[in-house]
Amino acid sequence: MSLAVFALAAAATTTAGDARSPRVTNRCPVNALRLRPADLPALRRFALKLAPHGVEKAGARSIDYRDATARAGYPTFYKGFVRSACRPSLVKRVIARTADVVVGYPHVNWSASLSYSVFLTVRLPHGFAGWAQMH
């Protein structure tokens, strides 16, 4: 099972505004709000909270999330995925309102593919949400 499929299987609905740990929602964000450049630092902080809830172990090795860093940008690069996950009437708006946040794990130097994650994140009326994990 690929990491993206694994993450999409985790269907909790937690956002940054909730008391619970954030999770990937696995739902097209129909009520996503416009992103602003001022949102990027908060999106990075949100993704750093979201990251430890993805892959935790790879075989006998644990993923070391210490000193993780995040970069955020929008609109999303994953336009094809958005087209497959959202209704056609929402695609253009969701693409424009989704940020890709890449979280790097500098202590994971034994696996290039596990040394980072990519989360599709949006701003909602009640906080931020990660709606897909692409890597």
C-alpha atoms as a PDB file:
ATOM      1  CA  MET A   1       0.000   0.000   0.000  1.00  0.00           C
ATOM      2  CA  SER A   2       1.485   3.371  -0.959  1.00  0.00           C
ATOM      3  CA  LEU A   3       1.902   6.124   1.616  1.00  0.00           C
ATOM      4  CA  ALA A   4      -0.731   8.263  -0.097  1.00  0.00           C
ATOM      5  CA  VAL A   5      -3.267   5.441  -0.032  1.00  0.00           C
ATOM      6  CA  PHE A   6      -2.351   4.648   3.585  1.00  0.00           C
ATOM      7  CA  ALA A   7      -2.860   8.261   4.625  1.00  0.00           C
ATOM      8  CA  LEU A   8      -6.084   8.594   2.688  1.00  0.00           C
ATOM      9  CA  ALA A   9      -7.415   5.562   4.527  1.00  0.00           C
ATOM     10  CA  ALA A  10      -7.154   7.511   7.801  1.00  0.00           C
ATOM     11  CA  ALA A  11     -10.511   9.259   7.646  1.00  0.00           C
ATOM     12  CA  ALA A  12     -10.714  11.338  10.821  1.00  0.00           C
ATOM     13  CA  THR A  13     -11.961  14.904  10.574  1.00  0.00           C
ATOM     14  CA  THR A  14      -9.763  16.849  12.949  1.00  0.00           C
ATOM     15  CA  THR A  15      -8.577  20.364  12.172  1.00  0.00           C
ATOM     16  CA  ALA A  16      -6.193  22.762  13.882  1.00  0.00           C
ATOM     17  CA  GLY A  17      -9.059  24.224  15.889  1.00  0.00           C
ATOM     18  CA  ASP A  18      -9.918  20.883  17.524  1.00  0.00           C
ATOM     19  CA  ALA A  19      -8.489  19.670  20.819  1.00  0.00           C
ATOM     20  CA  ARG A  20      -7.640  16.272  19.306  1.00  0.00           C
ATOM     21  CA  SER A  21      -4.515  15.563  17.293  1.00  0.00           C
ATOM     22  CA  PRO A  22      -4.855  16.626  13.648  1.00  0.00           C
ATOM     23  CA  ARG A  23      -5.448  13.893  11.067  1.00  0.00           C
ATOM     24  CA  VAL A  24      -5.850  13.715   7.301  1.00  0.00           C
ATOM     25  CA  THR A  25      -9.571  13.959   6.510  1.00  0.00           C
ATOM     26  CA  ASN A  26      -9.728  12.087   3.168  1.00  0.00           C
ATOM     27  CA  ARG A  27     -12.480  14.421   1.970  1.00  0.00           C
ATOM     28  CA  CYS A  28     -12.594  17.060  -0.708  1.00  0.00           C
ATOM     29  CA  PRO A  29     -12.740  20.365   1.215  1.00  0.00           C
ATOM     30  CA  VAL A  30     -15.975  21.795  -0.176  1.00  0.00           C
ATOM     31  CA  ASN A  31     -15.909  24.814   2.166  1.00  0.00           C
ATOM     32  CA  ALA A  32     -12.228  25.749   1.761  1.00  0.00           C
ATOM     33  CA  LEU A  33     -11.482  29.445   2.142  1.00  0.00           C
ATOM     34  CA  ARG A  34      -9.037  31.498   0.094  1.00  0.00           C
ATOM     35  CA  LEU A  35      -5.449  31.265   1.213  1.00  0.00           C
ATOM     36  CA  ARG A  36      -3.389  34.371   1.820  1.00  0.00           C
ATOM     37  CA  PRO A  37       0.393  34.720   2.036  1.00  0.00           C
ATOM     38  CA  ALA A  38      -0.118  35.452   5.744  1.00  0.00           C
ATOM     39  CA  ASP A  39      -1.553  31.913   6.168  1.00  0.00           C
ATOM     40  CA  LEU A  40       1.680  30.172   5.128  1.00  0.00           C
ATOM     41  CA  PRO A  41       3.417  30.230   8.556  1.00  0.00           C
ATOM     42  CA  ALA A  42       0.290  28.803  10.228  1.00  0.00           C
ATOM     43  CA  LEU A  43      -0.005  26.138   7.515  1.00  0.00           C
ATOM     44  CA  ARG A  44       3.598  25.117   8.178  1.00  0.00           C
ATOM     45  CA  ARG A  45       2.971  24.880  11.933  1.00  0.00           C
ATOM     46  CA  PHE A  46      -0.205  22.868  11.307  1.00  0.00           C
ATOM     47  CA  ALA A  47       1.613  20.396   9.039  1.00  0.00           C
ATOM     48  CA  LEU A  48       4.322  19.911  11.660  1.00  0.00           C
ATOM     49  CA  LYS A  49       1.559  18.852  14.083  1.00  0.00           C
ATOM     50  CA  LEU A  50      -0.019  16.650  11.412  1.00  0.00           C
ATOM     51  CA  ALA A  51       3.193  14.863  10.383  1.00  0.00           C
ATOM     52  CA  PRO A  52       3.643  12.457  13.321  1.00  0.00           C
ATOM     53  CA  HIS A  53       0.239  10.920  12.601  1.00  0.00           C
ATOM     54  CA  GLY A  54       1.332   9.501   9.255  1.00  0.00           C
ATOM     55  CA  VAL A  55       3.865   6.687   9.017  1.00  0.00           C
ATOM     56  CA  GLU A  56       5.356   5.848  12.420  1.00  0.00           C
ATOM     57  CA  LYS A  57       7.502   2.807  11.645  1.00  0.00           C
ATOM     58  CA  ALA A  58       9.167   1.355   8.583  1.00  0.00           C
ATOM     59  CA  GLY A  59      10.066  -2.221   9.344  1.00  0.00           C
ATOM     60  CA  ALA A  60      12.098  -2.224  12.554  1.00  0.00           C
ATOM     61  CA  ARG A  61      12.958   1.483  12.317  1.00  0.00           C
ATOM     62  CA  SER A  62      10.954   4.342  13.781  1.00  0.00           C
ATOM     63  CA  ILE A  63      10.497   7.643  11.992  1.00  0.00           C
ATOM     64  CA  ASP A  64      12.364  10.369  13.895  1.00  0.00           C
ATOM     65  CA  TYR A  65      10.274  13.542  13.685  1.00  0.00           C
ATOM     66  CA  ARG A  66      12.675  15.719  15.700  1.00  0.00           C
ATOM     67  CA  ASP A  67      13.755  18.985  14.083  1.00  0.00           C
ATOM     68  CA  ALA A  68      11.229  18.599  11.256  1.00  0.00           C
ATOM     69  CA  THR A  69      10.897  21.565   8.913  1.00  0.00           C
ATOM     70  CA  ALA A  70       8.022  22.580   6.656  1.00  0.00           C
ATOM     71  CA  ARG A  71       7.619  24.555   3.424  1.00  0.00           C
ATOM     72  CA  ALA A  72       4.217  25.636   2.144  1.00  0.00           C
ATOM     73  CA  GLY A  73       2.985  26.986  -1.156  1.00  0.00           C
ATOM     74  CA  TYR A  74      -0.232  27.288  -3.116  1.00  0.00           C
ATOM     75  CA  PRO A  75      -2.021  26.602  -5.411  1.00  0.00           C
ATOM     76  CA  THR A  76      -1.491  22.874  -5.251  1.00  0.00           C
ATOM     77  CA  PHE A  77       0.761  21.026  -7.662  1.00  0.00           C
ATOM     78  CA  TYR A  78      -1.485  17.938  -7.418  1.00  0.00           C
ATOM     79  CA  LYS A  79      -4.200  19.103  -9.809  1.00  0.00           C
ATOM     80  CA  GLY A  80      -4.845  15.607 -11.174  1.00  0.00           C
ATOM     81  CA  PHE A  81      -5.460  14.271  -7.694  1.00  0.00           C
ATOM     82  CA  VAL A  82      -7.896  17.104  -6.938  1.00  0.00           C
ATOM     83  CA  ARG A  83      -9.759  16.304 -10.176  1.00  0.00           C
ATOM     84  CA  SER A  84     -10.123  12.689  -9.060  1.00  0.00           C
ATOM     85  CA  ALA A  85     -11.121  13.501  -5.465  1.00  0.00           C
ATOM     86  CA  CYS A  86     -13.567  16.389  -5.931  1.00  0.00           C
ATOM     87  CA  ARG A  87     -16.763  17.041  -7.869  1.00  0.00           C
ATOM     88  CA  PRO A  88     -16.089  18.756 -11.207  1.00  0.00           C
ATOM     89  CA  SER A  89     -17.895  21.895 -10.030  1.00  0.00           C
ATOM     90  CA  LEU A  90     -15.398  22.260  -7.139  1.00  0.00           C
ATOM     91  CA  VAL A  91     -12.110  21.392  -8.827  1.00  0.00           C
ATOM     92  CA  LYS A  92     -10.957  24.851  -9.901  1.00  0.00           C
ATOM     93  CA  ARG A  93     -11.764  26.419  -6.526  1.00  0.00           C
ATOM     94  CA  VAL A  94     -10.180  23.583  -4.501  1.00  0.00           C
ATOM     95  CA  ILE A  95      -6.987  23.694  -6.598  1.00  0.00           C
ATOM     96  CA  ALA A  96      -6.659  27.426  -5.948  1.00  0.00           C
ATOM     97  CA  ARG A  97      -7.378  27.049  -2.227  1.00  0.00           C
ATOM     98  CA  THR A  98      -5.183  24.034  -1.447  1.00  0.00           C
ATOM     99  CA  ALA A  99      -1.616  24.434  -0.246  1.00  0.00           C
ATOM    100  CA  ASP A 100       1.065  21.786  -0.580  1.00  0.00           C
ATOM    101  CA  VAL A 101       3.063  21.576   2.627  1.00  0.00           C
ATOM    102  CA  VAL A 102       6.286  19.564   2.460  1.00  0.00           C
ATOM    103  CA  VAL A 103       7.548  18.383   5.844  1.00  0.00           C
ATOM    104  CA  GLY A 104      11.158  17.197   5.931  1.00  0.00           C
ATOM    105  CA  TYR A 105      12.592  14.901   8.597  1.00  0.00           C
ATOM    106  CA  PRO A 106      16.351  15.570   8.799  1.00  0.00           C
ATOM    107  CA  HIS A 107      17.040  12.619  11.129  1.00  0.00           C
ATOM    108  CA  VAL A 108      15.603  10.090   8.658  1.00  0.00           C
ATOM    109  CA  ASN A 109      18.729   9.634   6.572  1.00  0.00           C
ATOM    110  CA  TRP A 110      18.275   5.908   5.967  1.00  0.00           C
ATOM    111  CA  SER A 111      15.326   6.272   3.548  1.00  0.00           C
ATOM    112  CA  ALA A 112      14.896   8.982   0.932  1.00  0.00           C
ATOM    113  CA  SER A 113      11.191   8.243   0.488  1.00  0.00           C
ATOM    114  CA  LEU A 114      10.426   8.390   4.225  1.00  0.00           C
ATOM    115  CA  SER A 115      12.516  11.504   4.836  1.00  0.00           C
ATOM    116  CA  TYR A 116       9.618  13.806   3.953  1.00  0.00           C
ATOM    117  CA  SER A 117       5.821  14.020   3.679  1.00  0.00           C
ATOM    118  CA  VAL A 118       3.581  16.146   1.463  1.00  0.00           C
ATOM    119  CA  PHE A 119       0.209  17.228   2.841  1.00  0.00           C
ATOM    120  CA  LEU A 120      -2.585  18.961   0.942  1.00  0.00           C
ATOM    121  CA  THR A 121      -3.964  21.503   3.385  1.00  0.00           C
ATOM    122  CA  VAL A 122      -6.732  24.105   3.365  1.00  0.00           C
ATOM    123  CA  ARG A 123      -8.068  26.876   5.543  1.00  0.00           C
ATOM    124  CA  LEU A 124     -11.618  26.220   6.741  1.00  0.00           C
ATOM    125  CA  PRO A 125     -13.965  28.477   8.716  1.00  0.00           C
ATOM    126  CA  HIS A 126     -12.911  26.742  11.960  1.00  0.00           C
ATOM    127  CA  GLY A 127      -9.176  26.205  11.306  1.00  0.00           C
ATOM    128  CA  PHE A 128      -6.831  24.315   9.020  1.00  0.00           C
ATOM    129  CA  ALA A 129      -7.326  20.804   7.705  1.00  0.00           C
ATOM    130  CA  GLY A 130      -5.056  18.326   5.998  1.00  0.00           C
ATOM    131  CA  TRP A 131      -7.252  16.607   3.443  1.00  0.00           C
ATOM    132  CA  ALA A 132      -4.739  14.331   1.711  1.00  0.00           C
ATOM    133  CA  GLN A 133      -1.223  13.033   2.189  1.00  0.00           C
ATOM    134  CA  MET A 134       0.506  12.671  -1.161  1.00  0.00           C
ATOM    135  CA  HIS A 135       3.798  11.281   0.086  1.00  0.00           C
END
